[in-house]
C-alpha cells in the first residue's frame, strides 16, 4: 500500500471518528431520546437542527467519499480492518471531550488494535 492510499484510509477513518464525536455532542445537547408517535416530529426536528449533528453527518459523508477512493485502490481485506483505528481515535476523543473512562482494559485493547493495524499496514 502506498502513502497516498494509506492517507485516504487514515483521513477517512479520522473523519469518521470526528463524525462520531460530533454526533455524541449533539445527542448530549438533545438529551436522552424517548420516541413516541406523539413526539416523533418534534424530536426529529430537535435532532436535525443540532449543529454538532449536522457537522457529524457532514464529516461522515466526506469520510465515505474518501473510503470509496481508498477501496478503489486497495483490497477490502486490507482496508476494512484499518477502520479499527477509528475506535482508538474515538475512545481518546471521548475521554478528552466527554470525560468517558479509559480503563486499563480499554487502554490494553487500544494497544492491541494499534499493533494489529501496524502489522496489517506492513503487508
PDB file of N, CA and C in Angstrom:
ATOM      1  N   UNK A   1       0.859  -1.167   0.000  1.00  0.00           N
ATOM      2  CA  UNK A   1       0.000   0.000   0.000  1.00  0.00           C
ATOM      3  C   UNK A   1       0.907   1.231   0.000  1.00  0.00           C
ATOM      4  N   UNK A   2       0.628   2.160  -0.913  1.00  0.00           N
ATOM      5  CA  UNK A   2       1.453   3.371  -0.971  1.00  0.00           C
ATOM      6  C   UNK A   2       0.914   4.434  -0.005  1.00  0.00           C
ATOM      7  N   UNK A   3       1.681   5.500   0.143  1.00  0.00           N
ATOM      8  CA  UNK A   3       1.353   6.535   1.125  1.00  0.00           C
ATOM      9  C   UNK A   3       0.051   7.265   0.783  1.00  0.00           C
ATOM     10  N   UNK A   4      -0.234   7.446  -0.502  1.00  0.00           N
ATOM     11  CA  UNK A   4      -1.475   8.130  -0.887  1.00  0.00           C
ATOM     12  C   UNK A   4      -2.690   7.301  -0.481  1.00  0.00           C
ATOM     13  N   UNK A   5      -2.651   6.009  -0.760  1.00  0.00           N
ATOM     14  CA  UNK A   5      -3.762   5.133  -0.396  1.00  0.00           C
ATOM     15  C   UNK A   5      -3.918   5.080   1.116  1.00  0.00           C
ATOM     16  N   UNK A   6      -2.799   4.946   1.820  1.00  0.00           N
ATOM     17  CA  UNK A   6      -2.843   4.924   3.278  1.00  0.00           C
ATOM     18  C   UNK A   6      -3.425   6.233   3.814  1.00  0.00           C
ATOM     19  N   UNK A   7      -3.096   7.339   3.173  1.00  0.00           N
ATOM     20  CA  UNK A   7      -3.625   8.641   3.585  1.00  0.00           C
ATOM     21  C   UNK A   7      -5.137   8.719   3.406  1.00  0.00           C
ATOM     22  N   UNK A   8      -5.649   8.198   2.289  1.00  0.00           N
ATOM     23  CA  UNK A   8      -7.101   8.189   2.095  1.00  0.00           C
ATOM     24  C   UNK A   8      -7.778   7.381   3.196  1.00  0.00           C
ATOM     25  N   UNK A   9      -7.184   6.245   3.537  1.00  0.00           N
ATOM     26  CA  UNK A   9      -7.755   5.402   4.589  1.00  0.00           C
ATOM     27  C   UNK A   9      -7.723   6.134   5.925  1.00  0.00           C
ATOM     28  N   UNK A  10      -6.574   6.671   6.281  1.00  0.00           N
ATOM     29  CA  UNK A  10      -6.427   7.322   7.590  1.00  0.00           C
ATOM     30  C   UNK A  10      -7.320   8.556   7.697  1.00  0.00           C
ATOM     31  N   UNK A  11      -7.351   9.386   6.667  1.00  0.00           N
ATOM     32  CA  UNK A  11      -8.198  10.585   6.736  1.00  0.00           C
ATOM     33  C   UNK A  11      -9.677  10.210   6.752  1.00  0.00           C
ATOM     34  N   UNK A  12     -10.039   9.166   6.026  1.00  0.00           N
ATOM     35  CA  UNK A  12     -11.417   8.689   6.074  1.00  0.00           C
ATOM     36  C   UNK A  12     -11.793   8.205   7.462  1.00  0.00           C
ATOM     37  N   UNK A  13     -10.891   7.452   8.080  1.00  0.00           N
ATOM     38  CA  UNK A  13     -11.122   6.947   9.427  1.00  0.00           C
ATOM     39  C   UNK A  13     -11.193   8.102  10.428  1.00  0.00           C
ATOM     40  N   UNK A  14     -10.284   9.075  10.299  1.00  0.00           N
ATOM     41  CA  UNK A  14     -10.293  10.221  11.212  1.00  0.00           C
ATOM     42  C   UNK A  14     -11.582  11.032  11.078  1.00  0.00           C
ATOM     43  N   UNK A  15     -12.023  11.243   9.852  1.00  0.00           N
ATOM     44  CA  UNK A  15     -13.281  11.969   9.661  1.00  0.00           C
ATOM     45  C   UNK A  15     -14.453  11.203  10.257  1.00  0.00           C
ATOM     46  N   UNK A  16     -14.418   9.882  10.120  1.00  0.00           N
ATOM     47  CA  UNK A  16     -15.479   9.066  10.695  1.00  0.00           C
ATOM     48  C   UNK A  16     -15.468   9.187  12.217  1.00  0.00           C
ATOM     49  N   UNK A  17     -14.286   9.182  12.821  1.00  0.00           N
ATOM     50  CA  UNK A  17     -14.192   9.322  14.277  1.00  0.00           C
ATOM     51  C   UNK A  17     -14.688  10.695  14.726  1.00  0.00           C
ATOM     52  N   UNK A  18     -14.305  11.738  14.006  1.00  0.00           N
ATOM     53  CA  UNK A  18     -14.793  13.086  14.324  1.00  0.00           C
ATOM     54  C   UNK A  18     -16.312  13.125  14.199  1.00  0.00           C
ATOM     55  N   UNK A  19     -16.836  12.461  13.176  1.00  0.00           N
ATOM     56  CA  UNK A  19     -18.292  12.402  12.994  1.00  0.00           C
ATOM     57  C   UNK A  19     -18.955  11.789  14.221  1.00  0.00           C
ATOM     58  N   UNK A  20     -18.399  10.683  14.730  1.00  0.00           N
ATOM     59  CA  UNK A  20     -18.997  10.029  15.895  1.00  0.00           C
ATOM     60  C   UNK A  20     -18.972  10.937  17.116  1.00  0.00           C
ATOM     61  N   UNK A  21     -17.873  11.652  17.293  1.00  0.00           N
ATOM     62  CA  UNK A  21     -17.770  12.559  18.437  1.00  0.00           C
ATOM     63  C   UNK A  21     -18.747  13.729  18.314  1.00  0.00           C
ATOM     64  N   UNK A  22     -18.906  14.252  17.102  1.00  0.00           N
ATOM     65  CA  UNK A  22     -19.878  15.326  16.900  1.00  0.00           C
ATOM     66  C   UNK A  22     -21.305  14.827  17.109  1.00  0.00           C
ATOM     67  N   UNK A  23     -21.600  13.630  16.638  1.00  0.00           N
ATOM     68  CA  UNK A  23     -22.934  13.065  16.849  1.00  0.00           C
ATOM     69  C   UNK A  23     -23.209  12.883  18.343  1.00  0.00           C
ATOM     70  N   UNK A  24     -22.195  12.442  19.080  1.00  0.00           N
ATOM     71  CA  UNK A  24     -22.350  12.291  20.535  1.00  0.00           C
ATOM     72  C   UNK A  24     -22.596  13.649  21.190  1.00  0.00           C
ATOM     73  N   UNK A  25     -21.848  14.668  20.762  1.00  0.00           N
ATOM     74  CA  UNK A  25     -22.045  16.011  21.315  1.00  0.00           C
ATOM     75  C   UNK A  25     -23.467  16.490  21.044  1.00  0.00           C
ATOM     76  N   UNK A  26     -23.951  16.271  19.836  1.00  0.00           N
ATOM     77  CA  UNK A  26     -25.316  16.660  19.501  1.00  0.00           C
ATOM     78  C   UNK A  26     -26.341  15.889  20.304  1.00  0.00           C
ATOM     79  N   UNK A  27     -26.086  14.602  20.494  1.00  0.00           N
ATOM     80  CA  UNK A  27     -27.009  13.773  21.279  1.00  0.00           C
ATOM     81  C   UNK A  27     -27.041  14.231  22.733  1.00  0.00           C
ATOM     82  N   UNK A  28     -25.890  14.649  23.243  1.00  0.00           N
ATOM     83  CA  UNK A  28     -25.858  15.177  24.618  1.00  0.00           C
ATOM     84  C   UNK A  28     -26.675  16.456  24.707  1.00  0.00           C
ATOM     85  N   UNK A  29     -26.622  17.291  23.664  1.00  0.00           N
ATOM     86  CA  UNK A  29     -27.422  18.521  23.653  1.00  0.00           C
ATOM     87  C   UNK A  29     -28.912  18.208  23.673  1.00  0.00           C
ATOM     88  N   UNK A  30     -29.299  17.181  22.946  1.00  0.00           N
ATOM     89  CA  UNK A  30     -30.711  16.808  22.861  1.00  0.00           C
ATOM     90  C   UNK A  30     -31.176  16.172  24.167  1.00  0.00           C
ATOM     91  N   UNK A  31     -30.321  15.367  24.778  1.00  0.00           N
ATOM     92  CA  UNK A  31     -30.717  14.615  25.969  1.00  0.00           C
ATOM     93  C   UNK A  31     -31.194  13.236  25.565  1.00  0.00           C
ATOM     94  N   UNK A  32     -31.550  12.451  26.560  1.00  0.00           N
ATOM     95  CA  UNK A  32     -31.996  11.080  26.294  1.00  0.00           C
ATOM     96  C   UNK A  32     -33.272  11.110  25.453  1.00  0.00           C
ATOM     97  N   UNK A  33     -33.277  10.335  24.408  1.00  0.00           N
ATOM     98  CA  UNK A  33     -34.391  10.350  23.452  1.00  0.00           C
ATOM     99  C   UNK A  33     -35.343   9.201  23.742  1.00  0.00           C
ATOM    100  N   UNK A  34     -36.611   9.537  23.870  1.00  0.00           N
ATOM    101  CA  UNK A  34     -37.689   8.553  24.023  1.00  0.00           C
ATOM    102  C   UNK A  34     -38.727   8.864  22.954  1.00  0.00           C
ATOM    103  N   UNK A  35     -38.724   8.087  21.904  1.00  0.00           N
ATOM    104  CA  UNK A  35     -39.646   8.343  20.793  1.00  0.00           C
ATOM    105  C   UNK A  35     -41.019   7.737  21.043  1.00  0.00           C
ATOM    106  N   UNK A  36     -42.017   8.521  20.715  1.00  0.00           N
ATOM    107  CA  UNK A  36     -43.399   8.044  20.687  1.00  0.00           C
ATOM    108  C   UNK A  36     -44.020   8.578  19.404  1.00  0.00           C
ATOM    109  N   UNK A  37     -45.186   8.105  19.093  1.00  0.00           N
ATOM    110  CA  UNK A  37     -45.876   8.616  17.908  1.00  0.00           C
ATOM    111  C   UNK A  37     -46.205  10.106  18.069  1.00  0.00           C
ATOM    112  N   UNK A  38     -46.413  10.555  19.295  1.00  0.00           N
ATOM    113  CA  UNK A  38     -46.775  11.945  19.548  1.00  0.00           C
ATOM    114  C   UNK A  38     -45.598  12.909  19.428  1.00  0.00           C
ATOM    115  N   UNK A  39     -44.372  12.440  19.719  1.00  0.00           N
ATOM    116  CA  UNK A  39     -43.238  13.358  19.693  1.00  0.00           C
ATOM    117  C   UNK A  39     -42.258  13.088  18.563  1.00  0.00           C
ATOM    118  N   UNK A  40     -42.607  12.212  17.677  1.00  0.00           N
ATOM    119  CA  UNK A  40     -41.698  11.813  16.596  1.00  0.00           C
ATOM    120  C   UNK A  40     -41.212  13.024  15.798  1.00  0.00           C
ATOM    121  N   UNK A  41     -42.122  13.885  15.389  1.00  0.00           N
ATOM    122  CA  UNK A  41     -41.749  15.047  14.589  1.00  0.00           C
ATOM    123  C   UNK A  41     -40.925  16.047  15.395  1.00  0.00           C
ATOM    124  N   UNK A  42     -41.365  16.364  16.607  1.00  0.00           N
ATOM    125  CA  UNK A  42     -40.657  17.369  17.399  1.00  0.00           C
ATOM    126  C   UNK A  42     -39.254  16.896  17.795  1.00  0.00           C
ATOM    127  N   UNK A  43     -39.112  15.643  18.153  1.00  0.00           N
ATOM    128  CA  UNK A  43     -37.793  15.115  18.497  1.00  0.00           C
ATOM    129  C   UNK A  43     -36.916  15.067  17.249  1.00  0.00           C
ATOM    130  N   UNK A  44     -37.493  14.629  16.136  1.00  0.00           N
ATOM    131  CA  UNK A  44     -36.742  14.604  14.877  1.00  0.00           C
ATOM    132  C   UNK A  44     -36.244  15.986  14.483  1.00  0.00           C
ATOM    133  N   UNK A  45     -37.089  16.982  14.659  1.00  0.00           N
ATOM    134  CA  UNK A  45     -36.700  18.362  14.346  1.00  0.00           C
ATOM    135  C   UNK A  45     -35.606  18.847  15.289  1.00  0.00           C
ATOM    136  N   UNK A  46     -35.732  18.522  16.559  1.00  0.00           N
ATOM    137  CA  UNK A  46     -34.714  18.926  17.535  1.00  0.00           C
ATOM    138  C   UNK A  46     -33.365  18.290  17.189  1.00  0.00           C
ATOM    139  N   UNK A  47     -33.375  17.015  16.827  1.00  0.00           N
ATOM    140  CA  UNK A  47     -32.136  16.314  16.454  1.00  0.00           C
ATOM    141  C   UNK A  47     -31.568  16.907  15.169  1.00  0.00           C
ATOM    142  N   UNK A  48     -32.413  17.121  14.191  1.00  0.00           N
ATOM    143  CA  UNK A  48     -31.968  17.576  12.871  1.00  0.00           C
ATOM    144  C   UNK A  48     -31.417  19.001  12.875  1.00  0.00           C
ATOM    145  N   UNK A  49     -31.738  19.775  13.905  1.00  0.00           N
ATOM    146  CA  UNK A  49     -31.278  21.166  13.941  1.00  0.00           C
ATOM    147  C   UNK A  49     -30.072  21.373  14.866  1.00  0.00           C
ATOM    148  N   UNK A  50     -29.538  20.315  15.403  1.00  0.00           N
ATOM    149  CA  UNK A  50     -28.339  20.414  16.242  1.00  0.00           C
ATOM    150  C   UNK A  50     -27.113  20.582  15.343  1.00  0.00           C
ATOM    151  N   UNK A  51     -26.376  21.675  15.519  1.00  0.00           N
ATOM    152  CA  UNK A  51     -25.185  21.915  14.680  1.00  0.00           C
ATOM    153  C   UNK A  51     -24.144  20.799  14.789  1.00  0.00           C
ATOM    154  N   UNK A  52     -23.893  20.253  15.987  1.00  0.00           N
ATOM    155  CA  UNK A  52     -22.936  19.152  16.029  1.00  0.00           C
ATOM    156  C   UNK A  52     -23.408  17.932  15.225  1.00  0.00           C
ATOM    157  N   UNK A  53     -24.682  17.677  15.220  1.00  0.00           N
ATOM    158  CA  UNK A  53     -25.205  16.542  14.449  1.00  0.00           C
ATOM    159  C   UNK A  53     -25.076  16.818  12.958  1.00  0.00           C
ATOM    160  N   UNK A  54     -25.380  18.021  12.534  1.00  0.00           N
ATOM    161  CA  UNK A  54     -25.213  18.386  11.125  1.00  0.00           C
ATOM    162  C   UNK A  54     -23.742  18.265  10.732  1.00  0.00           C
ATOM    163  N   UNK A  55     -22.843  18.766  11.594  1.00  0.00           N
ATOM    164  CA  UNK A  55     -21.411  18.642  11.329  1.00  0.00           C
ATOM    165  C   UNK A  55     -20.961  17.188  11.298  1.00  0.00           C
ATOM    166  N   UNK A  56     -21.483  16.385  12.211  1.00  0.00           N
ATOM    167  CA  UNK A  56     -21.136  14.970  12.244  1.00  0.00           C
ATOM    168  C   UNK A  56     -21.574  14.245  10.990  1.00  0.00           C
ATOM    169  N   UNK A  57     -22.772  14.529  10.538  1.00  0.00           N
ATOM    170  CA  UNK A  57     -23.257  13.896   9.308  1.00  0.00           C
ATOM    171  C   UNK A  57     -22.440  14.342   8.099  1.00  0.00           C
ATOM    172  N   UNK A  58     -22.034  15.601   8.084  1.00  0.00           N
ATOM    173  CA  UNK A  58     -21.186  16.105   7.002  1.00  0.00           C
ATOM    174  C   UNK A  58     -19.844  15.387   6.992  1.00  0.00           C
ATOM    175  N   UNK A  59     -19.231  15.262   8.169  1.00  0.00           N
ATOM    176  CA  UNK A  59     -17.955  14.537   8.258  1.00  0.00           C
ATOM    177  C   UNK A  59     -18.121  13.087   7.828  1.00  0.00           C
ATOM    178  N   UNK A  60     -19.228  12.501   8.206  1.00  0.00           N
ATOM    179  CA  UNK A  60     -19.481  11.105   7.839  1.00  0.00           C
ATOM    180  C   UNK A  60     -19.571  10.943   6.327  1.00  0.00           C
ATOM    181  N   UNK A  61     -20.293  11.834   5.665  1.00  0.00           N
ATOM    182  CA  UNK A  61     -20.414  11.770   4.198  1.00  0.00           C
ATOM    183  C   UNK A  61     -19.041  11.928   3.546  1.00  0.00           C
ATOM    184  N   UNK A  62     -18.249  12.883   4.028  1.00  0.00           N
ATOM    185  CA  UNK A  62     -16.904  13.079   3.472  1.00  0.00           C
ATOM    186  C   UNK A  62     -16.028  11.846   3.711  1.00  0.00           C
ATOM    187  N   UNK A  63     -16.177  11.223   4.872  1.00  0.00           N
ATOM    188  CA  UNK A  63     -15.383  10.021   5.152  1.00  0.00           C
ATOM    189  C   UNK A  63     -15.760   8.886   4.212  1.00  0.00           C
ATOM    190  N   UNK A  64     -17.028   8.798   3.853  1.00  0.00           N
ATOM    191  CA  UNK A  64     -17.460   7.756   2.909  1.00  0.00           C
ATOM    192  C   UNK A  64     -16.847   8.005   1.534  1.00  0.00           C
ATOM    193  N   UNK A  65     -16.779   9.255   1.110  1.00  0.00           N
ATOM    194  CA  UNK A  65     -16.147   9.578  -0.183  1.00  0.00           C
ATOM    195  C   UNK A  65     -14.687   9.140  -0.169  1.00  0.00           C
ATOM    196  N   UNK A  66     -13.956   9.490   0.882  1.00  0.00           N
ATOM    197  CA  UNK A  66     -12.556   9.070   0.982  1.00  0.00           C
ATOM    198  C   UNK A  66     -12.433   7.557   1.047  1.00  0.00           C
ATOM    199  N   UNK A  67     -13.365   6.924   1.726  1.00  0.00           N
ATOM    200  CA  UNK A  67     -13.347   5.470   1.844  1.00  0.00           C
ATOM    201  C   UNK A  67     -13.535   4.802   0.487  1.00  0.00           C
ATOM    202  N   UNK A  68     -14.433   5.311  -0.313  1.00  0.00           N
ATOM    203  CA  UNK A  68     -14.658   4.759  -1.648  1.00  0.00           C
ATOM    204  C   UNK A  68     -13.399   4.904  -2.502  1.00  0.00           C
ATOM    205  N   UNK A  69     -12.744   6.056  -2.396  1.00  0.00           N
ATOM    206  CA  UNK A  69     -11.486   6.253  -3.128  1.00  0.00           C
ATOM    207  C   UNK A  69     -10.460   5.227  -2.663  1.00  0.00           C
ATOM    208  N   UNK A  70     -10.356   5.038  -1.349  1.00  0.00           N
ATOM    209  CA  UNK A  70      -9.396   4.061  -0.812  1.00  0.00           C
ATOM    210  C   UNK A  70      -9.718   2.656  -1.293  1.00  0.00           C
ATOM    211  N   UNK A  71     -10.995   2.287  -1.274  1.00  0.00           N
ATOM    212  CA  UNK A  71     -11.379   0.945  -1.710  1.00  0.00           C
ATOM    213  C   UNK A  71     -11.111   0.709  -3.192  1.00  0.00           C
ATOM    214  N   UNK A  72     -11.070   1.783  -3.973  1.00  0.00           N
ATOM    215  CA  UNK A  72     -10.758   1.631  -5.386  1.00  0.00           C
ATOM    216  C   UNK A  72      -9.276   1.319  -5.606  1.00  0.00           C
ATOM    217  N   UNK A  73      -8.465   1.484  -4.541  1.00  0.00           N
ATOM    218  CA  UNK A  73      -7.020   1.328  -4.664  1.00  0.00           C
ATOM    219  C   UNK A  73      -6.441   0.139  -3.908  1.00  0.00           C
ATOM    220  N   UNK A  74      -7.198  -0.402  -2.959  1.00  0.00           N
ATOM    221  CA  UNK A  74      -6.639  -1.454  -2.103  1.00  0.00           C
ATOM    222  C   UNK A  74      -7.724  -2.496  -1.806  1.00  0.00           C
ATOM    223  N   UNK A  75      -7.277  -3.706  -1.529  1.00  0.00           N
ATOM    224  CA  UNK A  75      -8.215  -4.777  -1.192  1.00  0.00           C
ATOM    225  C   UNK A  75      -9.001  -4.428   0.066  1.00  0.00           C
ATOM    226  N   UNK A  76     -10.255  -4.796   0.079  1.00  0.00           N
ATOM    227  CA  UNK A  76     -11.092  -4.539   1.247  1.00  0.00           C
ATOM    228  C   UNK A  76     -10.581  -5.329   2.449  1.00  0.00           C
ATOM    229  N   UNK A  77      -9.913  -6.452   2.222  1.00  0.00           N
ATOM    230  CA  UNK A  77      -9.368  -7.233   3.327  1.00  0.00           C
ATOM    231  C   UNK A  77      -8.212  -6.511   4.017  1.00  0.00           C
ATOM    232  N   UNK A  78      -7.626  -5.540   3.355  1.00  0.00           N
ATOM    233  CA  UNK A  78      -6.606  -4.692   3.966  1.00  0.00           C
ATOM    234  C   UNK A  78      -7.256  -3.438   4.547  1.00  0.00           C
ATOM    235  N   UNK A  79      -8.127  -2.813   3.778  1.00  0.00           N
ATOM    236  CA  UNK A  79      -8.709  -1.525   4.180  1.00  0.00           C
ATOM    237  C   UNK A  79      -9.662  -1.652   5.368  1.00  0.00           C
ATOM    238  N   UNK A  80     -10.538  -2.628   5.335  1.00  0.00           N
ATOM    239  CA  UNK A  80     -11.588  -2.691   6.348  1.00  0.00           C
ATOM    240  C   UNK A  80     -11.049  -2.799   7.775  1.00  0.00           C
ATOM    241  N   UNK A  81     -10.060  -3.632   8.033  1.00  0.00           N
ATOM    242  CA  UNK A  81      -9.532  -3.677   9.402  1.00  0.00           C
ATOM    243  C   UNK A  81      -8.936  -2.351   9.869  1.00  0.00           C
ATOM    244  N   UNK A  82      -8.541  -1.499   8.929  1.00  0.00           N
ATOM    245  CA  UNK A  82      -7.995  -0.187   9.304  1.00  0.00           C
ATOM    246  C   UNK A  82      -9.057   0.684   9.978  1.00  0.00           C
ATOM    247  N   UNK A  83     -10.323   0.355   9.770  1.00  0.00           N
ATOM    248  CA  UNK A  83     -11.389   1.107  10.434  1.00  0.00           C
ATOM    249  C   UNK A  83     -11.264   1.028  11.954  1.00  0.00           C
ATOM    250  N   UNK A  84     -10.579   0.004  12.436  1.00  0.00           N
ATOM    251  CA  UNK A  84     -10.418  -0.116  13.885  1.00  0.00           C
ATOM    252  C   UNK A  84      -9.630   1.047  14.471  1.00  0.00           C
ATOM    253  N   UNK A  85      -8.866   1.760  13.647  1.00  0.00           N
ATOM    254  CA  UNK A  85      -8.196   2.973  14.126  1.00  0.00           C
ATOM    255  C   UNK A  85      -9.215   3.990  14.630  1.00  0.00           C
ATOM    256  N   UNK A  86     -10.398   3.944  14.052  1.00  0.00           N
ATOM    257  CA  UNK A  86     -11.465   4.841  14.488  1.00  0.00           C
ATOM    258  C   UNK A  86     -11.830   4.617  15.950  1.00  0.00           C
ATOM    259  N   UNK A  87     -11.775   3.358  16.411  1.00  0.00           N
ATOM    260  CA  UNK A  87     -12.051   3.071  17.816  1.00  0.00           C
ATOM    261  C   UNK A  87     -11.033   3.763  18.716  1.00  0.00           C
ATOM    262  N   UNK A  88      -9.788   3.755  18.281  1.00  0.00           N
ATOM    263  CA  UNK A  88      -8.721   4.372  19.059  1.00  0.00           C
ATOM    264  C   UNK A  88      -8.956   5.879  19.165  1.00  0.00           C
ATOM    265  N   UNK A  89      -9.154   6.522  18.029  1.00  0.00           N
ATOM    266  CA  UNK A  89      -9.349   7.978  17.997  1.00  0.00           C
ATOM    267  C   UNK A  89     -10.613   8.367  18.764  1.00  0.00           C
ATOM    268  N   UNK A  90     -11.670   7.616  18.568  1.00  0.00           N
ATOM    269  CA  UNK A  90     -12.936   7.929  19.225  1.00  0.00           C
ATOM    270  C   UNK A  90     -12.834   7.750  20.731  1.00  0.00           C
ATOM    271  N   UNK A  91     -12.167   6.698  21.178  1.00  0.00           N
ATOM    272  CA  UNK A  91     -12.016   6.477  22.617  1.00  0.00           C
ATOM    273  C   UNK A  91     -11.227   7.600  23.265  1.00  0.00           C
ATOM    274  N   UNK A  92     -10.150   8.009  22.621  1.00  0.00           N
ATOM    275  CA  UNK A  92      -9.338   9.108  23.176  1.00  0.00           C
ATOM    276  C   UNK A  92     -10.129  10.414  23.138  1.00  0.00           C
ATOM    277  N   UNK A  93     -10.820  10.653  22.043  1.00  0.00           N
ATOM    278  CA  UNK A  93     -11.641  11.867  21.940  1.00  0.00           C
ATOM    279  C   UNK A  93     -12.761  11.884  22.961  1.00  0.00           C
ATOM    280  N   UNK A  94     -13.409  10.747  23.181  1.00  0.00           N
ATOM    281  CA  UNK A  94     -14.497  10.676  24.167  1.00  0.00           C
ATOM    282  C   UNK A  94     -13.966  10.892  25.574  1.00  0.00           C
ATOM    283  N   UNK A  95     -12.771  10.390  25.848  1.00  0.00           N
ATOM    284  CA  UNK A  95     -12.137  10.625  27.153  1.00  0.00           C
ATOM    285  C   UNK A  95     -11.849  12.115  27.334  1.00  0.00           C
ATOM    286  N   UNK A  96     -11.256  12.710  26.314  1.00  0.00           N
ATOM    287  CA  UNK A  96     -10.858  14.113  26.399  1.00  0.00           C
ATOM    288  C   UNK A  96     -12.055  15.064  26.417  1.00  0.00           C
ATOM    289  N   UNK A  97     -13.007  14.828  25.534  1.00  0.00           N
ATOM    290  CA  UNK A  97     -14.130  15.768  25.379  1.00  0.00           C
ATOM    291  C   UNK A  97     -15.280  15.533  26.352  1.00  0.00           C
ATOM    292  N   UNK A  98     -15.557  14.264  26.657  1.00  0.00           N
ATOM    293  CA  UNK A  98     -16.750  13.948  27.434  1.00  0.00           C
ATOM    294  C   UNK A  98     -16.453  13.334  28.797  1.00  0.00           C
ATOM    295  N   UNK A  99     -15.168  13.141  29.091  1.00  0.00           N
ATOM    296  CA  UNK A  99     -14.803  12.564  30.383  1.00  0.00           C
ATOM    297  C   UNK A  99     -15.118  11.089  30.510  1.00  0.00           C
ATOM    298  N   UNK A 100     -15.254  10.389  29.381  1.00  0.00           N
ATOM    299  CA  UNK A 100     -15.526   8.955  29.437  1.00  0.00           C
ATOM    300  C   UNK A 100     -14.285   8.216  29.923  1.00  0.00           C
ATOM    301  N   UNK A 101     -14.493   7.118  30.600  1.00  0.00           N
ATOM    302  CA  UNK A 101     -13.408   6.381  31.247  1.00  0.00           C
ATOM    303  C   UNK A 101     -12.510   5.673  30.233  1.00  0.00           C
ATOM    304  N   UNK A 102     -11.212   5.757  30.466  1.00  0.00           N
ATOM    305  CA  UNK A 102     -10.226   4.957  29.728  1.00  0.00           C
ATOM    306  C   UNK A 102      -9.544   4.059  30.761  1.00  0.00           C
ATOM    307  N   UNK A 103     -10.149   2.931  31.009  1.00  0.00           N
ATOM    308  CA  UNK A 103      -9.633   1.990  32.000  1.00  0.00           C
ATOM    309  C   UNK A 103      -8.418   1.260  31.437  1.00  0.00           C
ATOM    310  N   UNK A 104      -7.728   0.538  32.303  1.00  0.00           N
ATOM    311  CA  UNK A 104      -6.578  -0.248  31.865  1.00  0.00           C
ATOM    312  C   UNK A 104      -6.988  -1.222  30.764  1.00  0.00           C
ATOM    313  N   UNK A 105      -8.124  -1.862  30.938  1.00  0.00           N
ATOM    314  CA  UNK A 105      -8.592  -2.836  29.940  1.00  0.00           C
ATOM    315  C   UNK A 105      -8.825  -2.156  28.582  1.00  0.00           C
ATOM    316  N   UNK A 106      -9.408  -0.986  28.580  1.00  0.00           N
ATOM    317  CA  UNK A 106      -9.637  -0.266  27.322  1.00  0.00           C
ATOM    318  C   UNK A 106      -8.321   0.174  26.697  1.00  0.00           C
ATOM    319  N   UNK A 107      -7.395   0.643  27.527  1.00  0.00           N
ATOM    320  CA  UNK A 107      -6.083   1.042  27.005  1.00  0.00           C
ATOM    321  C   UNK A 107      -5.334  -0.156  26.426  1.00  0.00           C
ATOM    322  N   UNK A 108      -5.439  -1.297  27.081  1.00  0.00           N
ATOM    323  CA  UNK A 108      -4.807  -2.508  26.570  1.00  0.00           C
ATOM    324  C   UNK A 108      -5.418  -2.900  25.222  1.00  0.00           C
ATOM    325  N   UNK A 109      -6.728  -2.816  25.129  1.00  0.00           N
ATOM    326  CA  UNK A 109      -7.409  -3.134  23.867  1.00  0.00           C
ATOM    327  C   UNK A 109      -6.972  -2.177  22.763  1.00  0.00           C
ATOM    328  N   UNK A 110      -6.809  -0.908  23.089  1.00  0.00           N
ATOM    329  CA  UNK A 110      -6.329   0.076  22.115  1.00  0.00           C
ATOM    330  C   UNK A 110      -4.930  -0.289  21.644  1.00  0.00           C
ATOM    331  N   UNK A 111      -4.082  -0.705  22.569  1.00  0.00           N
ATOM    332  CA  UNK A 111      -2.721  -1.122  22.195  1.00  0.00           C
ATOM    333  C   UNK A 111      -2.759  -2.322  21.248  1.00  0.00           C
ATOM    334  N   UNK A 112      -3.633  -3.271  21.513  1.00  0.00           N
ATOM    335  CA  UNK A 112      -3.767  -4.438  20.640  1.00  0.00           C
ATOM    336  C   UNK A 112      -4.210  -4.006  19.246  1.00  0.00           C
ATOM    337  N   UNK A 113      -5.166  -3.097  19.187  1.00  0.00           N
ATOM    338  CA  UNK A 113      -5.635  -2.590  17.893  1.00  0.00           C
ATOM    339  C   UNK A 113      -4.481  -1.942  17.131  1.00  0.00           C
ATOM    340  N   UNK A 114      -3.705  -1.111  17.814  1.00  0.00           N
ATOM    341  CA  UNK A 114      -2.598  -0.417  17.154  1.00  0.00           C
ATOM    342  C   UNK A 114      -1.553  -1.403  16.627  1.00  0.00           C
ATOM    343  N   UNK A 115      -1.259  -2.438  17.386  1.00  0.00           N
ATOM    344  CA  UNK A 115      -0.313  -3.461  16.917  1.00  0.00           C
ATOM    345  C   UNK A 115      -0.879  -4.165  15.690  1.00  0.00           C
ATOM    346  N   UNK A 116      -2.148  -4.506  15.732  1.00  0.00           N
ATOM    347  CA  UNK A 116      -2.778  -5.168  14.593  1.00  0.00           C
ATOM    348  C   UNK A 116      -2.774  -4.313  13.348  1.00  0.00           C
ATOM    349  N   UNK A 117      -3.078  -3.043  13.483  1.00  0.00           N
ATOM    350  CA  UNK A 117      -3.070  -2.139  12.328  1.00  0.00           C
ATOM    351  C   UNK A 117      -1.663  -1.969  11.782  1.00  0.00           C
ATOM    352  N   UNK A 118      -0.675  -1.876  12.670  1.00  0.00           N
ATOM    353  CA  UNK A 118       0.710  -1.742  12.218  1.00  0.00           C
ATOM    354  C   UNK A 118       1.140  -2.978  11.432  1.00  0.00           C
ATOM    355  N   UNK A 119       0.784  -4.148  11.917  1.00  0.00           N
ATOM    356  CA  UNK A 119       1.115  -5.380  11.192  1.00  0.00           C
ATOM    357  C   UNK A 119       0.411  -5.428   9.832  1.00  0.00           C
ATOM    358  N   UNK A 120      -0.838  -5.039   9.825  1.00  0.00           N
ATOM    359  CA  UNK A 120      -1.623  -5.058   8.590  1.00  0.00           C
ATOM    360  C   UNK A 120      -1.069  -4.061   7.578  1.00  0.00           C
ATOM    361  N   UNK A 121      -0.666  -2.890   8.028  1.00  0.00           N
ATOM    362  CA  UNK A 121      -0.179  -1.848   7.132  1.00  0.00           C
ATOM    363  C   UNK A 121       1.130  -2.269   6.448  1.00  0.00           C
ATOM    364  N   UNK A 122       1.869  -3.148   7.081  1.00  0.00           N
ATOM    365  CA  UNK A 122       3.149  -3.592   6.523  1.00  0.00           C
ATOM    366  C   UNK A 122       2.980  -4.626   5.424  1.00  0.00           C
ATOM    367  N   UNK A 123       1.780  -5.184   5.255  1.00  0.00           N
ATOM    368  CA  UNK A 123       1.589  -6.224   4.225  1.00  0.00           C
ATOM    369  C   UNK A 123       1.486  -5.627   2.852  1.00  0.00           C
TER     370      UNK A 123
END
